C-alpha atoms as a PDB file:
ATOM      1  CA  MET A   1      13.796  -8.390   2.753  1.00  0.00           C
ATOM      2  CA  LYS A   2      11.165 -10.762   1.615  1.00  0.00           C
ATOM      3  CA  ASN A   3       7.804  -9.421   0.616  1.00  0.00           C
ATOM      4  CA  LYS A   4       4.456 -10.478  -0.760  1.00  0.00           C
ATOM      5  CA  VAL A   5       3.759  -7.475  -2.880  1.00  0.00           C
ATOM      6  CA  ARG A   6       3.631  -9.451  -6.134  1.00  0.00           C
ATOM      7  CA  GLU A   7       1.461 -12.171  -4.620  1.00  0.00           C
ATOM      8  CA  LEU A   8      -0.981  -9.634  -3.239  1.00  0.00           C
ATOM      9  CA  ARG A   9      -1.006  -7.589  -6.412  1.00  0.00           C
ATOM     10  CA  THR A  10      -1.723 -10.630  -8.634  1.00  0.00           C
ATOM     11  CA  LYS A  11      -4.267 -12.037  -6.322  1.00  0.00           C
ATOM     12  CA  ASN A  12      -6.184  -8.777  -6.562  1.00  0.00           C
ATOM     13  CA  ASN A  13      -5.810  -8.604 -10.360  1.00  0.00           C
ATOM     14  CA  ILE A  14      -3.827  -5.375 -10.196  1.00  0.00           C
ATOM     15  CA  THR A  15      -1.024  -4.633 -12.738  1.00  0.00           C
ATOM     16  CA  GLN A  16       2.277  -3.061 -11.656  1.00  0.00           C
ATOM     17  CA  THR A  17       1.266   0.091 -13.433  1.00  0.00           C
ATOM     18  CA  GLU A  18      -2.062   0.332 -11.702  1.00  0.00           C
ATOM     19  CA  LEU A  19      -0.430  -0.216  -8.286  1.00  0.00           C
ATOM     20  CA  ALA A  20       2.251   2.288  -9.074  1.00  0.00           C
ATOM     21  CA  ASN A  21      -0.297   4.904 -10.072  1.00  0.00           C
ATOM     22  CA  GLU A  22      -2.303   4.367  -6.808  1.00  0.00           C
ATOM     23  CA  LEU A  23       0.830   4.743  -4.658  1.00  0.00           C
ATOM     24  CA  ALA A  24       2.264   7.641  -6.748  1.00  0.00           C
ATOM     25  CA  VAL A  25       5.539   5.770  -7.590  1.00  0.00           C
ATOM     26  CA  SER A  26       6.801   4.370 -10.804  1.00  0.00           C
ATOM     27  CA  ARG A  27       6.138   0.973 -12.200  1.00  0.00           C
ATOM     28  CA  GLN A  28       9.927   0.360 -11.957  1.00  0.00           C
ATOM     29  CA  THR A  29       9.619   0.949  -8.178  1.00  0.00           C
ATOM     30  CA  ILE A  30       7.002  -1.700  -7.781  1.00  0.00           C
ATOM     31  CA  PHE A  31       9.070  -4.099  -9.901  1.00  0.00           C
ATOM     32  CA  ALA A  32      12.106  -3.340  -7.761  1.00  0.00           C
ATOM     33  CA  ILE A  33      10.185  -3.964  -4.557  1.00  0.00           C
ATOM     34  CA  GLU A  34       8.710  -7.224  -5.844  1.00  0.00           C
ATOM     35  CA  THR A  35      12.137  -8.468  -6.883  1.00  0.00           C
ATOM     36  CA  ALA A  36      13.785  -7.406  -3.596  1.00  0.00           C
ATOM     37  CA  MET A  37      16.051  -4.972  -5.366  1.00  0.00           C
ATOM     38  CA  TYR A  38      14.683  -2.107  -3.342  1.00  0.00           C
ATOM     39  CA  VAL A  39      13.299  -1.787   0.241  1.00  0.00           C
ATOM     40  CA  PRO A  40      10.437   0.673   0.369  1.00  0.00           C
ATOM     41  CA  SER A  41      10.427   3.608   2.766  1.00  0.00           C
ATOM     42  CA  THR A  42       8.321   3.288   5.827  1.00  0.00           C
ATOM     43  CA  VAL A  43       5.640   5.573   4.347  1.00  0.00           C
ATOM     44  CA  LEU A  44       5.449   3.538   1.031  1.00  0.00           C
ATOM     45  CA  ALA A  45       5.290   0.300   3.049  1.00  0.00           C
ATOM     46  CA  LEU A  46       2.438   1.744   5.014  1.00  0.00           C
ATOM     47  CA  LYS A  47       0.730   2.801   1.815  1.00  0.00           C
ATOM     48  CA  ILE A  48       1.042  -0.676   0.400  1.00  0.00           C
ATOM     49  CA  ALA A  49      -0.308  -2.176   3.576  1.00  0.00           C
ATOM     50  CA  ARG A  50      -3.281   0.187   3.518  1.00  0.00           C
ATOM     51  CA  LYS A  51      -4.010  -0.596  -0.096  1.00  0.00           C
ATOM     52  CA  PHE A  52      -4.276  -4.290   0.656  1.00  0.00           C
ATOM     53  CA  LYS A  53      -5.840  -3.805   4.045  1.00  0.00           C
ATOM     54  CA  ILE A  54      -3.364  -5.909   5.971  1.00  0.00           C
ATOM     55  CA  LYS A  55      -0.490  -5.166   8.376  1.00  0.00           C
ATOM     56  CA  VAL A  56       2.922  -4.208   7.111  1.00  0.00           C
ATOM     57  CA  GLU A  57       4.401  -7.233   8.942  1.00  0.00           C
ATOM     58  CA  GLU A  58       2.138  -9.504   6.853  1.00  0.00           C
ATOM     59  CA  ILE A  59       3.668  -8.102   3.675  1.00  0.00           C
ATOM     60  CA  PHE A  60       7.382  -7.546   4.580  1.00  0.00           C
ATOM     61  CA  GLU A  61       9.611  -9.976   6.384  1.00  0.00           C
ATOM     62  CA  LEU A  62      13.233  -9.482   7.428  1.00  0.00           C
ATOM     63  CA  GLU A  63      15.681 -12.201   6.369  1.00  0.00           C
ATOM     64  CA  LYS A  64      18.717 -13.256   8.470  1.00  0.00           C
ATOM     65  CA  LYS A  65      21.061 -11.281   6.163  1.00  0.00           C
ATOM     66  CA  ASP A  66      18.984  -8.085   6.789  1.00  0.00           C
END
């Protein structure tokens, strides 16, 4: 699953650690999401969308292989 988490995070000058703390997850989780090694739960995806004030669909995109 493609995502724009890294792009949004850097655009807003937020570190992985800061985002992780705000979302109550580890920095490693943020790294794994950004590198497409981990697909977040629905709840976490919604929290990320709320943080950046955009729709989940604007952050996460299914790929053909998904």
